[in-house]
Amino acid sequence: MQIRNIGLAGAMIAAVCLCATAAGAGPECGLFQYRARIVAVYDGDSVTADIDLGFNTWRHGEKLRLFGIDAPEMRGANKPAATLSRDRLRRRILGKDVMVCSIKDKTGKYGRYLAVLWDGDDNVNDWLIHEGLAVAYK
């Protein structure tokens, strides 16, 4: 890569991007990729995260809706299945650091950011579907 006429700040950003890519810093999400710690799991498709925005800036208590999946609701006849989905997701990610890929930083109808979660190299949203804890949502 040739860096010229972009100044010191531009060169530093380019170096950080190259290092992150070379180190395999998680999934490729473009600009909307963040490190986060999952602090609560409400159900199989809704979590709360403390999100590292970079440069010592954090967004605490951000509610996320897992994109592309639908898990059973905690109210009504599906509560046993919802409890199972929530508890398995809690065991998988609660208190852990994950990568959050937000979907063009859009929010859903309840104001939550839509996100795909990555636990290492594993797509958590896909894992929920594979385990039968959620279904694909269009």
C-alpha atoms as a PDB file:
ATOM      1  CA  MET A   1       0.000   0.000   0.000  1.00  0.00           C
ATOM      2  CA  GLN A   2       1.337   3.393  -0.926  1.00  0.00           C
ATOM      3  CA  ILE A   3       0.677   6.240   1.504  1.00  0.00           C
ATOM      4  CA  ARG A   4       1.327   9.725   0.225  1.00  0.00           C
ATOM      5  CA  ASN A   5      -0.053  13.195   0.856  1.00  0.00           C
ATOM      6  CA  ILE A   6      -2.477  12.087   3.572  1.00  0.00           C
ATOM      7  CA  GLY A   7      -0.674  13.604   6.543  1.00  0.00           C
ATOM      8  CA  LEU A   8       0.342  12.080   9.847  1.00  0.00           C
ATOM      9  CA  ALA A   9      -3.197  11.409  11.084  1.00  0.00           C
ATOM     10  CA  GLY A  10      -4.132   9.642   7.853  1.00  0.00           C
ATOM     11  CA  ALA A  11      -0.954   7.550   7.968  1.00  0.00           C
ATOM     12  CA  MET A  12      -1.687   6.547  11.565  1.00  0.00           C
ATOM     13  CA  ILE A  13      -5.251   5.496  10.684  1.00  0.00           C
ATOM     14  CA  ALA A  14      -3.999   3.510   7.698  1.00  0.00           C
ATOM     15  CA  ALA A  15      -1.419   1.766   9.911  1.00  0.00           C
ATOM     16  CA  VAL A  16      -4.054   0.869  12.498  1.00  0.00           C
ATOM     17  CA  CYS A  17      -6.347  -0.517   9.798  1.00  0.00           C
ATOM     18  CA  LEU A  18      -3.526  -2.588   8.293  1.00  0.00           C
ATOM     19  CA  CYS A  19      -2.538  -3.979  11.695  1.00  0.00           C
ATOM     20  CA  ALA A  20      -6.119  -4.874  12.588  1.00  0.00           C
ATOM     21  CA  THR A  21      -6.608  -6.653   9.269  1.00  0.00           C
ATOM     22  CA  ALA A  22      -3.309  -8.513   9.536  1.00  0.00           C
ATOM     23  CA  ALA A  23      -4.071  -9.628  13.084  1.00  0.00           C
ATOM     24  CA  GLY A  24      -7.408 -11.113  12.051  1.00  0.00           C
ATOM     25  CA  ALA A  25      -9.349  -8.765  14.331  1.00  0.00           C
ATOM     26  CA  GLY A  26     -12.689 -10.485  13.856  1.00  0.00           C
ATOM     27  CA  PRO A  27     -15.329 -10.404  11.170  1.00  0.00           C
ATOM     28  CA  GLU A  28     -15.347  -7.909   8.344  1.00  0.00           C
ATOM     29  CA  CYS A  29     -18.162  -5.483   9.102  1.00  0.00           C
ATOM     30  CA  GLY A  30     -16.855  -2.357   7.489  1.00  0.00           C
ATOM     31  CA  LEU A  31     -17.128   0.770   9.606  1.00  0.00           C
ATOM     32  CA  PHE A  32     -19.790  -0.626  11.908  1.00  0.00           C
ATOM     33  CA  GLN A  33     -17.671  -3.088  13.920  1.00  0.00           C
ATOM     34  CA  TYR A  34     -17.190  -2.677  17.646  1.00  0.00           C
ATOM     35  CA  ARG A  35     -15.766  -4.580  20.600  1.00  0.00           C
ATOM     36  CA  ALA A  36     -18.350  -4.992  23.330  1.00  0.00           C
ATOM     37  CA  ARG A  37     -19.043  -6.746  26.603  1.00  0.00           C
ATOM     38  CA  ILE A  38     -22.467  -8.356  26.949  1.00  0.00           C
ATOM     39  CA  VAL A  39     -23.940  -7.222  30.277  1.00  0.00           C
ATOM     40  CA  ALA A  40     -27.481  -8.641  30.000  1.00  0.00           C
ATOM     41  CA  VAL A  41     -29.454 -11.101  27.908  1.00  0.00           C
ATOM     42  CA  TYR A  42     -33.182 -10.458  27.931  1.00  0.00           C
ATOM     43  CA  ASP A  43     -34.239 -13.238  25.572  1.00  0.00           C
ATOM     44  CA  GLY A  44     -32.865 -15.216  22.636  1.00  0.00           C
ATOM     45  CA  ASP A  45     -32.642 -12.198  20.355  1.00  0.00           C
ATOM     46  CA  SER A  46     -32.220  -9.176  22.663  1.00  0.00           C
ATOM     47  CA  VAL A  47     -29.113  -8.259  24.639  1.00  0.00           C
ATOM     48  CA  THR A  48     -27.568  -5.275  26.396  1.00  0.00           C
ATOM     49  CA  ALA A  49     -23.929  -4.406  25.771  1.00  0.00           C
ATOM     50  CA  ASP A  50     -21.253  -1.966  26.853  1.00  0.00           C
ATOM     51  CA  ILE A  51     -19.730  -0.976  23.515  1.00  0.00           C
ATOM     52  CA  ASP A  52     -16.177   0.266  22.984  1.00  0.00           C
ATOM     53  CA  LEU A  53     -16.358   3.007  20.346  1.00  0.00           C
ATOM     54  CA  GLY A  54     -12.595   3.531  20.417  1.00  0.00           C
ATOM     55  CA  PHE A  55     -10.361   6.290  21.778  1.00  0.00           C
ATOM     56  CA  ASN A  56     -11.504   5.547  25.372  1.00  0.00           C
ATOM     57  CA  THR A  57     -15.134   6.215  24.462  1.00  0.00           C
ATOM     58  CA  TRP A  58     -17.777   3.741  25.594  1.00  0.00           C
ATOM     59  CA  ARG A  59     -21.516   3.453  25.108  1.00  0.00           C
ATOM     60  CA  HIS A  60     -22.878   1.696  28.217  1.00  0.00           C
ATOM     61  CA  GLY A  61     -26.180  -0.163  28.445  1.00  0.00           C
ATOM     62  CA  GLU A  62     -26.890  -0.205  24.712  1.00  0.00           C
ATOM     63  CA  LYS A  63     -29.788  -2.493  23.824  1.00  0.00           C
ATOM     64  CA  LEU A  64     -29.229  -4.630  20.720  1.00  0.00           C
ATOM     65  CA  ARG A  65     -31.637  -6.719  18.653  1.00  0.00           C
ATOM     66  CA  LEU A  66     -29.933  -9.666  16.990  1.00  0.00           C
ATOM     67  CA  PHE A  67     -30.350  -9.171  13.258  1.00  0.00           C
ATOM     68  CA  GLY A  68     -31.925 -11.796  11.004  1.00  0.00           C
ATOM     69  CA  ILE A  69     -33.290 -14.070  13.715  1.00  0.00           C
ATOM     70  CA  ASP A  70     -36.471 -14.483  15.719  1.00  0.00           C
ATOM     71  CA  ALA A  71     -36.422 -16.248  19.079  1.00  0.00           C
ATOM     72  CA  PRO A  72     -39.496 -17.218  21.126  1.00  0.00           C
ATOM     73  CA  GLU A  73     -41.012 -14.460  23.261  1.00  0.00           C
ATOM     74  CA  MET A  74     -40.743 -14.496  27.054  1.00  0.00           C
ATOM     75  CA  ARG A  75     -44.492 -13.907  27.379  1.00  0.00           C
ATOM     76  CA  GLY A  76     -47.247 -16.317  26.447  1.00  0.00           C
ATOM     77  CA  ALA A  77     -47.354 -19.978  25.530  1.00  0.00           C
ATOM     78  CA  ASN A  78     -43.774 -20.055  24.199  1.00  0.00           C
ATOM     79  CA  LYS A  79     -42.209 -19.059  27.528  1.00  0.00           C
ATOM     80  CA  PRO A  80     -40.510 -22.473  28.123  1.00  0.00           C
ATOM     81  CA  ALA A  81     -38.811 -22.323  24.698  1.00  0.00           C
ATOM     82  CA  ALA A  82     -37.958 -18.649  25.254  1.00  0.00           C
ATOM     83  CA  THR A  83     -36.392 -19.429  28.622  1.00  0.00           C
ATOM     84  CA  LEU A  84     -34.272 -22.180  27.053  1.00  0.00           C
ATOM     85  CA  SER A  85     -33.129 -19.872  24.244  1.00  0.00           C
ATOM     86  CA  ARG A  86     -32.308 -17.049  26.675  1.00  0.00           C
ATOM     87  CA  ASP A  87     -30.445 -19.317  29.099  1.00  0.00           C
ATOM     88  CA  ARG A  88     -28.314 -20.924  26.367  1.00  0.00           C
ATOM     89  CA  LEU A  89     -27.460 -17.498  24.968  1.00  0.00           C
ATOM     90  CA  ARG A  90     -26.564 -16.279  28.470  1.00  0.00           C
ATOM     91  CA  ARG A  91     -24.205 -19.221  28.974  1.00  0.00           C
ATOM     92  CA  ARG A  92     -22.612 -18.484  25.614  1.00  0.00           C
ATOM     93  CA  ILE A  93     -22.001 -14.715  25.823  1.00  0.00           C
ATOM     94  CA  LEU A  94     -23.029 -13.090  29.133  1.00  0.00           C
ATOM     95  CA  GLY A  95     -20.050 -11.269  30.632  1.00  0.00           C
ATOM     96  CA  LYS A  96     -17.919 -12.014  27.556  1.00  0.00           C
ATOM     97  CA  ASP A  97     -16.253  -9.710  25.102  1.00  0.00           C
ATOM     98  CA  VAL A  98     -17.688 -10.095  21.604  1.00  0.00           C
ATOM     99  CA  MET A  99     -17.588  -8.251  18.298  1.00  0.00           C
ATOM    100  CA  VAL A 100     -20.729  -6.349  17.354  1.00  0.00           C
ATOM    101  CA  CYS A 101     -21.477  -5.733  13.701  1.00  0.00           C
ATOM    102  CA  SER A 102     -24.291  -3.227  13.546  1.00  0.00           C
ATOM    103  CA  ILE A 103     -26.422  -3.157  10.439  1.00  0.00           C
ATOM    104  CA  LYS A 104     -25.705   0.286   8.951  1.00  0.00           C
ATOM    105  CA  ASP A 105     -26.257   1.660  12.459  1.00  0.00           C
ATOM    106  CA  LYS A 106     -30.022   1.322  11.983  1.00  0.00           C
ATOM    107  CA  THR A 107     -32.452   0.782  14.816  1.00  0.00           C
ATOM    108  CA  GLY A 108     -35.457  -1.527  14.834  1.00  0.00           C
ATOM    109  CA  LYS A 109     -38.999  -0.549  15.713  1.00  0.00           C
ATOM    110  CA  TYR A 110     -38.213  -0.542  19.464  1.00  0.00           C
ATOM    111  CA  GLY A 111     -35.141   1.689  19.102  1.00  0.00           C
ATOM    112  CA  ARG A 112     -32.579  -1.093  19.507  1.00  0.00           C
ATOM    113  CA  TYR A 113     -29.616  -1.279  17.173  1.00  0.00           C
ATOM    114  CA  LEU A 114     -29.709  -4.274  14.843  1.00  0.00           C
ATOM    115  CA  ALA A 115     -26.567  -6.359  15.233  1.00  0.00           C
ATOM    116  CA  VAL A 116     -24.766  -9.564  14.413  1.00  0.00           C
ATOM    117  CA  LEU A 117     -22.668 -10.821  17.331  1.00  0.00           C
ATOM    118  CA  TRP A 118     -19.393 -12.677  16.905  1.00  0.00           C
ATOM    119  CA  ASP A 119     -17.853 -14.836  19.618  1.00  0.00           C
ATOM    120  CA  GLY A 120     -14.373 -15.330  18.209  1.00  0.00           C
ATOM    121  CA  ASP A 121     -14.907 -16.757  14.723  1.00  0.00           C
ATOM    122  CA  ASP A 122     -18.474 -17.878  15.488  1.00  0.00           C
ATOM    123  CA  ASN A 123     -21.508 -15.938  14.318  1.00  0.00           C
ATOM    124  CA  VAL A 124     -23.761 -16.080  17.400  1.00  0.00           C
ATOM    125  CA  ASN A 125     -26.902 -15.266  15.395  1.00  0.00           C
ATOM    126  CA  ASP A 126     -26.268 -18.263  13.112  1.00  0.00           C
ATOM    127  CA  TRP A 127     -25.413 -20.436  16.127  1.00  0.00           C
ATOM    128  CA  LEU A 128     -28.845 -19.714  17.659  1.00  0.00           C
ATOM    129  CA  ILE A 129     -30.525 -20.881  14.436  1.00  0.00           C
ATOM    130  CA  HIS A 130     -28.275 -23.952  14.142  1.00  0.00           C
ATOM    131  CA  GLU A 131     -29.062 -24.952  17.745  1.00  0.00           C
ATOM    132  CA  GLY A 132     -32.812 -24.601  17.119  1.00  0.00           C
ATOM    133  CA  LEU A 133     -33.066 -21.718  19.608  1.00  0.00           C
ATOM    134  CA  ALA A 134     -34.233 -19.192  16.981  1.00  0.00           C
ATOM    135  CA  VAL A 135     -35.425 -19.138  13.401  1.00  0.00           C
ATOM    136  CA  ALA A 136     -34.241 -17.039  10.471  1.00  0.00           C
ATOM    137  CA  TYR A 137     -36.206 -13.802  10.194  1.00  0.00           C
ATOM    138  CA  LYS A 138     -36.735 -11.946   6.964  1.00  0.00           C
END
